[in-house]
């Protein structure tokens, strides 16, 4: 219970924690079943909350969020569904554009060094290469 008290956890994180602490697989599954019945763990709500938090607070893109959720043991289909709900094609581009303006607002993106830094920055934040390419080809947002 103390492990869950720090922050919400996925089932895989709890299962791995219990195994590291020396508990058998049967005990780990019994504990998980009890936690599910008490509604202390729910991978879907955990993943949605994690993704929304990282999107709002850290401006992470869908690629980075997907990597983090996979590392936490969330199923691939659930990750795809959550990312579809959170990011529409235009939402990802809009968010990346805002982040780019905030971080590189006063800099000239026509300068090759600045352009590379901006592209690397957006990649680290988890935005797709297609969105990065589209934004940096036309950094001012003009057609």
N, C-alpha and C. Protein backbone atom coordinates (compact mmCIF):
# COMPACT_ATOMS: atom_id res chain seq x y z
N UNK A 1 0.83 -1.19 0.00
CA UNK A 1 0.00 0.00 0.00
C UNK A 1 0.88 1.26 0.00
N UNK A 2 2.00 1.18 0.70
CA UNK A 2 2.90 2.34 0.73
C UNK A 2 3.45 2.63 -0.66
N UNK A 3 3.73 1.58 -1.43
CA UNK A 3 4.24 1.74 -2.80
C UNK A 3 3.22 2.47 -3.68
N UNK A 4 1.95 2.21 -3.47
CA UNK A 4 0.89 2.90 -4.21
C UNK A 4 0.66 4.31 -3.69
N UNK A 5 1.09 4.59 -2.47
CA UNK A 5 0.84 5.89 -1.87
C UNK A 5 1.65 7.02 -2.49
N UNK A 6 2.80 6.70 -3.09
CA UNK A 6 3.65 7.74 -3.66
C UNK A 6 3.05 8.33 -4.93
N UNK A 7 2.57 7.44 -5.78
CA UNK A 7 1.94 7.86 -7.04
C UNK A 7 1.17 6.66 -7.58
N UNK A 8 0.23 6.88 -8.50
CA UNK A 8 -0.47 5.75 -9.10
C UNK A 8 0.52 4.85 -9.85
N UNK A 9 0.22 3.57 -9.90
CA UNK A 9 1.10 2.59 -10.54
C UNK A 9 0.30 1.73 -11.49
N UNK A 10 0.99 1.18 -12.48
CA UNK A 10 0.36 0.21 -13.37
C UNK A 10 0.46 -1.18 -12.73
N UNK A 11 -0.32 -2.11 -13.24
CA UNK A 11 -0.27 -3.48 -12.73
C UNK A 11 1.12 -4.07 -12.89
N UNK A 12 1.74 -3.81 -14.00
CA UNK A 12 3.08 -4.36 -14.26
C UNK A 12 4.08 -3.81 -13.26
N UNK A 13 3.99 -2.54 -12.95
CA UNK A 13 4.91 -1.96 -11.97
C UNK A 13 4.73 -2.62 -10.61
N UNK A 14 3.50 -2.85 -10.20
CA UNK A 14 3.24 -3.48 -8.91
C UNK A 14 3.71 -4.93 -8.92
N UNK A 15 3.40 -5.65 -9.99
CA UNK A 15 3.83 -7.04 -10.11
C UNK A 15 5.36 -7.13 -10.03
N UNK A 16 6.06 -6.27 -10.75
CA UNK A 16 7.52 -6.28 -10.72
C UNK A 16 8.06 -5.94 -9.34
N UNK A 17 7.42 -4.98 -8.69
CA UNK A 17 7.83 -4.58 -7.35
C UNK A 17 7.70 -5.77 -6.38
N UNK A 18 6.57 -6.44 -6.43
CA UNK A 18 6.35 -7.58 -5.54
C UNK A 18 7.34 -8.71 -5.82
N UNK A 19 7.64 -8.94 -7.08
CA UNK A 19 8.62 -10.00 -7.44
C UNK A 19 10.02 -9.62 -6.94
N UNK A 20 10.38 -8.33 -7.07
CA UNK A 20 11.69 -7.90 -6.57
C UNK A 20 11.79 -8.05 -5.05
N UNK A 21 10.66 -7.92 -4.38
CA UNK A 21 10.64 -8.05 -2.92
C UNK A 21 10.61 -9.52 -2.47
N UNK A 22 10.63 -10.44 -3.44
CA UNK A 22 10.73 -11.86 -3.12
C UNK A 22 9.43 -12.60 -2.99
N UNK A 23 8.32 -12.00 -3.39
CA UNK A 23 7.02 -12.68 -3.30
C UNK A 23 6.82 -13.57 -4.52
N UNK A 24 6.10 -14.65 -4.32
CA UNK A 24 5.84 -15.59 -5.42
C UNK A 24 4.86 -14.99 -6.42
N UNK A 25 4.78 -15.62 -7.57
CA UNK A 25 3.85 -15.17 -8.61
C UNK A 25 2.40 -15.26 -8.12
N UNK A 26 2.08 -16.33 -7.37
CA UNK A 26 0.72 -16.51 -6.87
C UNK A 26 0.33 -15.40 -5.90
N UNK A 27 1.24 -15.05 -5.02
CA UNK A 27 0.97 -13.97 -4.06
C UNK A 27 0.80 -12.64 -4.81
N UNK A 28 1.66 -12.41 -5.77
CA UNK A 28 1.56 -11.16 -6.55
C UNK A 28 0.21 -11.07 -7.25
N UNK A 29 -0.25 -12.16 -7.84
CA UNK A 29 -1.54 -12.16 -8.53
C UNK A 29 -2.70 -11.97 -7.56
N UNK A 30 -2.60 -12.56 -6.37
CA UNK A 30 -3.65 -12.36 -5.36
C UNK A 30 -3.71 -10.90 -4.92
N UNK A 31 -2.55 -10.30 -4.72
CA UNK A 31 -2.50 -8.90 -4.32
C UNK A 31 -3.09 -8.02 -5.43
N UNK A 32 -2.72 -8.28 -6.67
CA UNK A 32 -3.25 -7.51 -7.79
C UNK A 32 -4.76 -7.65 -7.90
N UNK A 33 -5.26 -8.86 -7.71
CA UNK A 33 -6.71 -9.09 -7.77
C UNK A 33 -7.42 -8.30 -6.67
N UNK A 34 -6.86 -8.29 -5.49
CA UNK A 34 -7.44 -7.55 -4.36
C UNK A 34 -7.41 -6.04 -4.66
N UNK A 35 -6.29 -5.55 -5.19
CA UNK A 35 -6.19 -4.12 -5.50
C UNK A 35 -7.16 -3.72 -6.61
N UNK A 36 -7.36 -4.62 -7.59
CA UNK A 36 -8.34 -4.35 -8.66
C UNK A 36 -9.75 -4.30 -8.09
N UNK A 37 -10.07 -5.24 -7.21
CA UNK A 37 -11.42 -5.28 -6.65
C UNK A 37 -11.71 -4.05 -5.79
N UNK A 38 -10.68 -3.51 -5.17
CA UNK A 38 -10.84 -2.29 -4.37
C UNK A 38 -10.72 -1.02 -5.21
N UNK A 39 -10.45 -1.21 -6.49
CA UNK A 39 -10.30 -0.13 -7.46
C UNK A 39 -9.11 0.79 -7.14
N UNK A 40 -8.07 0.19 -6.56
CA UNK A 40 -6.84 0.94 -6.32
C UNK A 40 -5.96 0.98 -7.55
N UNK A 41 -6.14 0.02 -8.44
CA UNK A 41 -5.37 0.03 -9.69
C UNK A 41 -6.32 -0.19 -10.86
N UNK A 42 -6.03 0.52 -11.93
CA UNK A 42 -6.78 0.41 -13.17
C UNK A 42 -5.85 0.94 -14.26
N UNK A 43 -5.34 0.04 -15.08
CA UNK A 43 -4.35 0.44 -16.08
C UNK A 43 -4.88 1.49 -17.05
N UNK A 44 -6.14 1.40 -17.42
CA UNK A 44 -6.68 2.37 -18.37
C UNK A 44 -6.70 3.78 -17.79
N UNK A 45 -7.24 3.93 -16.58
CA UNK A 45 -7.27 5.27 -15.99
C UNK A 45 -5.86 5.75 -15.65
N UNK A 46 -5.00 4.84 -15.21
CA UNK A 46 -3.60 5.20 -14.94
C UNK A 46 -2.95 5.76 -16.21
N UNK A 47 -3.11 5.05 -17.33
CA UNK A 47 -2.47 5.47 -18.58
C UNK A 47 -3.06 6.78 -19.08
N UNK A 48 -4.37 6.94 -19.00
CA UNK A 48 -4.99 8.20 -19.43
C UNK A 48 -4.49 9.38 -18.59
N UNK A 49 -4.47 9.20 -17.29
CA UNK A 49 -4.02 10.28 -16.41
C UNK A 49 -2.55 10.60 -16.63
N UNK A 50 -1.73 9.57 -16.81
CA UNK A 50 -0.30 9.77 -17.06
C UNK A 50 -0.10 10.57 -18.36
N UNK A 51 -0.80 10.14 -19.41
CA UNK A 51 -0.65 10.79 -20.71
C UNK A 51 -1.15 12.24 -20.66
N UNK A 52 -2.29 12.47 -20.04
CA UNK A 52 -2.82 13.84 -19.95
C UNK A 52 -1.88 14.73 -19.14
N UNK A 53 -1.36 14.21 -18.06
CA UNK A 53 -0.45 14.97 -17.23
C UNK A 53 0.82 15.35 -18.00
N UNK A 54 1.40 14.40 -18.70
CA UNK A 54 2.63 14.67 -19.45
C UNK A 54 2.37 15.60 -20.64
N UNK A 55 1.17 15.52 -21.20
CA UNK A 55 0.83 16.41 -22.31
C UNK A 55 0.65 17.84 -21.82
N UNK A 56 -0.08 18.00 -20.74
CA UNK A 56 -0.36 19.35 -20.23
C UNK A 56 0.84 19.98 -19.54
N UNK A 57 1.48 19.24 -18.65
CA UNK A 57 2.51 19.82 -17.81
C UNK A 57 3.89 19.87 -18.46
N UNK A 58 4.21 18.88 -19.30
CA UNK A 58 5.54 18.81 -19.88
C UNK A 58 5.54 19.03 -21.39
N UNK A 59 4.37 19.13 -21.99
CA UNK A 59 4.22 19.32 -23.45
C UNK A 59 4.88 18.19 -24.23
N UNK A 60 4.78 16.96 -23.71
CA UNK A 60 5.34 15.81 -24.40
C UNK A 60 4.47 15.45 -25.60
N UNK A 61 5.09 14.96 -26.63
CA UNK A 61 4.40 14.51 -27.82
C UNK A 61 4.00 13.05 -27.69
N UNK A 62 3.26 12.56 -28.67
CA UNK A 62 2.74 11.19 -28.60
C UNK A 62 3.82 10.10 -28.59
N UNK A 63 4.93 10.31 -29.28
CA UNK A 63 5.98 9.29 -29.32
C UNK A 63 6.60 9.09 -27.93
N UNK A 64 6.87 10.18 -27.25
CA UNK A 64 7.48 10.08 -25.92
C UNK A 64 6.50 9.47 -24.92
N UNK A 65 5.25 9.88 -24.99
CA UNK A 65 4.25 9.32 -24.08
C UNK A 65 4.09 7.82 -24.32
N UNK A 66 4.06 7.41 -25.59
CA UNK A 66 3.94 5.99 -25.91
C UNK A 66 5.12 5.21 -25.35
N UNK A 67 6.33 5.74 -25.48
CA UNK A 67 7.53 5.07 -24.94
C UNK A 67 7.42 4.89 -23.43
N UNK A 68 7.00 5.95 -22.75
CA UNK A 68 6.90 5.88 -21.30
C UNK A 68 5.83 4.88 -20.84
N UNK A 69 4.70 4.88 -21.54
CA UNK A 69 3.62 3.95 -21.17
C UNK A 69 4.03 2.50 -21.45
N UNK A 70 4.74 2.27 -22.56
CA UNK A 70 5.23 0.92 -22.84
C UNK A 70 6.18 0.46 -21.74
N UNK A 71 7.03 1.36 -21.27
CA UNK A 71 7.98 1.03 -20.20
C UNK A 71 7.25 0.70 -18.90
N UNK A 72 6.05 1.21 -18.74
CA UNK A 72 5.26 0.94 -17.54
C UNK A 72 4.36 -0.28 -17.69
N UNK A 73 4.48 -0.95 -18.84
CA UNK A 73 3.75 -2.20 -19.03
C UNK A 73 2.33 -2.05 -19.53
N UNK A 74 1.99 -0.93 -20.11
CA UNK A 74 0.64 -0.71 -20.65
C UNK A 74 0.55 -1.37 -22.02
N UNK A 75 -0.57 -2.01 -22.30
CA UNK A 75 -0.77 -2.73 -23.56
C UNK A 75 -0.75 -1.77 -24.76
N UNK A 76 -0.21 -2.25 -25.87
CA UNK A 76 -0.04 -1.43 -27.07
C UNK A 76 -1.37 -0.90 -27.59
N UNK A 77 -2.40 -1.72 -27.59
CA UNK A 77 -3.71 -1.29 -28.09
C UNK A 77 -4.29 -0.17 -27.22
N UNK A 78 -4.12 -0.28 -25.91
CA UNK A 78 -4.59 0.76 -25.01
C UNK A 78 -3.81 2.06 -25.23
N UNK A 79 -2.53 1.96 -25.47
CA UNK A 79 -1.72 3.14 -25.75
C UNK A 79 -2.21 3.83 -27.01
N UNK A 80 -2.44 3.06 -28.07
CA UNK A 80 -2.94 3.64 -29.33
C UNK A 80 -4.27 4.34 -29.12
N UNK A 81 -5.15 3.73 -28.38
CA UNK A 81 -6.47 4.31 -28.13
C UNK A 81 -6.35 5.63 -27.36
N UNK A 82 -5.54 5.64 -26.34
CA UNK A 82 -5.37 6.85 -25.53
C UNK A 82 -4.74 7.97 -26.34
N UNK A 83 -3.73 7.64 -27.14
CA UNK A 83 -3.09 8.67 -27.96
C UNK A 83 -4.04 9.21 -29.02
N UNK A 84 -4.90 8.34 -29.56
CA UNK A 84 -5.91 8.82 -30.52
C UNK A 84 -6.86 9.79 -29.85
N UNK A 85 -7.24 9.50 -28.62
CA UNK A 85 -8.16 10.36 -27.90
C UNK A 85 -7.52 11.71 -27.54
N UNK A 86 -6.27 11.68 -27.14
CA UNK A 86 -5.61 12.91 -26.70
C UNK A 86 -5.11 13.75 -27.86
N UNK A 87 -4.49 13.08 -28.84
CA UNK A 87 -3.87 13.81 -29.94
C UNK A 87 -4.63 13.56 -31.23
N UNK A 88 -5.18 14.61 -31.79
CA UNK A 88 -5.60 14.54 -33.17
C UNK A 88 -4.41 15.03 -33.98
N UNK A 89 -4.42 14.83 -35.25
CA UNK A 89 -3.28 15.28 -36.08
C UNK A 89 -3.02 16.77 -35.89
N UNK A 90 -4.06 17.57 -35.87
CA UNK A 90 -3.86 19.02 -35.72
C UNK A 90 -3.46 19.37 -34.30
N UNK A 91 -3.91 18.61 -33.29
CA UNK A 91 -3.54 18.91 -31.92
C UNK A 91 -2.05 18.74 -31.70
N UNK A 92 -1.48 17.69 -32.28
CA UNK A 92 -0.04 17.46 -32.13
C UNK A 92 0.74 18.60 -32.76
N UNK A 93 0.32 19.00 -33.95
CA UNK A 93 1.01 20.07 -34.65
C UNK A 93 0.87 21.39 -33.89
N UNK A 94 -0.33 21.68 -33.41
CA UNK A 94 -0.57 22.92 -32.67
C UNK A 94 0.26 22.97 -31.40
N UNK A 95 0.29 21.86 -30.68
CA UNK A 95 1.06 21.81 -29.45
C UNK A 95 2.55 21.96 -29.73
N UNK A 96 3.04 21.31 -30.76
CA UNK A 96 4.45 21.42 -31.12
C UNK A 96 4.78 22.85 -31.54
N UNK A 97 3.86 23.48 -32.23
CA UNK A 97 4.07 24.87 -32.68
C UNK A 97 4.15 25.81 -31.48
N UNK A 98 3.28 25.63 -30.50
CA UNK A 98 3.32 26.45 -29.29
C UNK A 98 4.63 26.26 -28.53
N UNK A 99 5.05 25.00 -28.42
CA UNK A 99 6.28 24.69 -27.72
C UNK A 99 7.48 25.30 -28.44
N UNK A 100 7.47 25.22 -29.75
CA UNK A 100 8.53 25.80 -30.57
C UNK A 100 8.58 27.32 -30.39
N UNK A 101 7.43 27.96 -30.38
CA UNK A 101 7.37 29.41 -30.19
C UNK A 101 7.84 29.81 -28.80
N UNK A 102 7.49 29.02 -27.81
CA UNK A 102 7.89 29.33 -26.44
C UNK A 102 9.40 29.18 -26.26
N UNK A 103 9.96 28.11 -26.81
CA UNK A 103 11.38 27.82 -26.62
C UNK A 103 12.28 28.61 -27.56
N UNK A 104 11.84 28.80 -28.80
CA UNK A 104 12.69 29.45 -29.82
C UNK A 104 12.04 30.71 -30.38
N UNK A 105 11.21 31.36 -29.61
CA UNK A 105 10.44 32.51 -30.09
C UNK A 105 11.27 33.64 -30.66
N UNK A 106 12.35 33.99 -30.00
CA UNK A 106 13.14 35.12 -30.45
C UNK A 106 14.29 34.75 -31.38
N UNK A 107 14.39 33.48 -31.73
CA UNK A 107 15.52 33.03 -32.54
C UNK A 107 15.10 32.85 -34.00
N UNK A 108 16.06 33.01 -34.88
CA UNK A 108 15.82 32.87 -36.31
C UNK A 108 15.93 31.40 -36.71
N UNK A 109 14.80 30.79 -37.04
CA UNK A 109 14.80 29.37 -37.41
C UNK A 109 15.31 29.12 -38.82
N UNK A 110 15.68 30.19 -39.52
CA UNK A 110 16.29 30.00 -40.84
C UNK A 110 17.78 29.71 -40.69
N UNK A 111 18.35 30.00 -39.52
CA UNK A 111 19.73 29.68 -39.22
C UNK A 111 19.85 28.17 -39.04
N UNK A 112 20.80 27.55 -39.72
CA UNK A 112 20.91 26.09 -39.73
C UNK A 112 21.16 25.51 -38.33
N UNK A 113 22.00 26.15 -37.56
CA UNK A 113 22.31 25.66 -36.21
C UNK A 113 21.06 25.71 -35.32
N UNK A 114 20.33 26.81 -35.38
CA UNK A 114 19.09 26.95 -34.60
C UNK A 114 18.04 25.96 -35.07
N UNK A 115 17.97 25.76 -36.37
CA UNK A 115 17.02 24.81 -36.95
C UNK A 115 17.29 23.40 -36.44
N UNK A 116 18.54 23.01 -36.39
CA UNK A 116 18.91 21.68 -35.88
C UNK A 116 18.58 21.54 -34.40
N UNK A 117 18.87 22.60 -33.64
CA UNK A 117 18.55 22.57 -32.21
C UNK A 117 17.05 22.43 -31.99
N UNK A 118 16.27 23.15 -32.79
CA UNK A 118 14.81 23.09 -32.66
C UNK A 118 14.29 21.70 -33.01
N UNK A 119 14.83 21.12 -34.07
CA UNK A 119 14.40 19.77 -34.48
C UNK A 119 14.75 18.75 -33.40
N UNK A 120 15.95 18.84 -32.85
CA UNK A 120 16.36 17.90 -31.80
C UNK A 120 15.50 18.08 -30.54
N UNK A 121 15.19 19.32 -30.22
CA UNK A 121 14.34 19.61 -29.06
C UNK A 121 12.97 18.96 -29.21
N UNK A 122 12.35 19.15 -30.38
CA UNK A 122 11.03 18.57 -30.61
C UNK A 122 11.08 17.04 -30.65
N UNK A 123 12.15 16.48 -31.16
CA UNK A 123 12.29 15.02 -31.17
C UNK A 123 12.39 14.48 -29.75
N UNK A 124 13.18 15.14 -28.91
CA UNK A 124 13.30 14.70 -27.52
C UNK A 124 11.97 14.79 -26.78
N UNK A 125 11.15 15.76 -27.14
CA UNK A 125 9.84 15.90 -26.51
C UNK A 125 8.84 14.88 -27.04
N UNK A 126 9.18 14.18 -28.12
CA UNK A 126 8.32 13.08 -28.58
C UNK A 126 7.39 13.41 -29.72
N UNK A 127 7.71 14.40 -30.51
CA UNK A 127 6.87 14.73 -31.67
C UNK A 127 7.36 13.96 -32.89
N UNK A 128 6.43 13.64 -33.77
CA UNK A 128 6.75 12.83 -34.93
C UNK A 128 7.60 13.62 -35.92
N UNK A 129 8.39 12.90 -36.70
CA UNK A 129 9.24 13.54 -37.70
C UNK A 129 8.43 14.30 -38.73
N UNK A 130 7.24 13.79 -39.05
CA UNK A 130 6.39 14.47 -40.04
C UNK A 130 5.96 15.85 -39.53
N UNK A 131 5.57 15.92 -38.27
CA UNK A 131 5.15 17.20 -37.69
C UNK A 131 6.34 18.15 -37.58
N UNK A 132 7.48 17.64 -37.14
CA UNK A 132 8.68 18.47 -37.01
C UNK A 132 9.08 19.01 -38.37
N UNK A 133 9.09 18.16 -39.37
CA UNK A 133 9.47 18.57 -40.71
C UNK A 133 8.52 19.64 -41.24
N UNK A 134 7.25 19.43 -41.03
CA UNK A 134 6.24 20.38 -41.50
C UNK A 134 6.40 21.74 -40.81
N UNK A 135 6.62 21.73 -39.51
CA UNK A 135 6.76 22.98 -38.76
C UNK A 135 8.04 23.73 -39.13
N UNK A 136 9.13 23.01 -39.26
CA UNK A 136 10.40 23.66 -39.49
C UNK A 136 10.60 24.08 -40.96
N UNK A 137 9.85 23.46 -41.84
CA UNK A 137 9.87 23.90 -43.23
C UNK A 137 9.21 25.27 -43.34
N UNK A 138 8.24 25.48 -42.45
CA UNK A 138 7.48 26.73 -42.47
C UNK A 138 7.31 27.20 -41.02
N UNK A 139 8.39 27.69 -40.36
CA UNK A 139 8.34 27.97 -38.94
C UNK A 139 7.39 29.10 -38.52
N UNK A 140 7.06 29.99 -39.42
CA UNK A 140 6.17 31.10 -39.07
C UNK A 140 4.70 30.72 -39.13
N UNK A 141 4.38 29.54 -39.66
CA UNK A 141 3.00 29.10 -39.76
C UNK A 141 2.27 29.69 -40.93
N UNK A 142 2.99 30.37 -41.82
CA UNK A 142 2.36 30.97 -42.98
C UNK A 142 2.34 29.96 -44.11
N UNK A 143 1.32 30.06 -44.96
CA UNK A 143 1.22 29.15 -46.11
C UNK A 143 2.04 29.64 -47.26
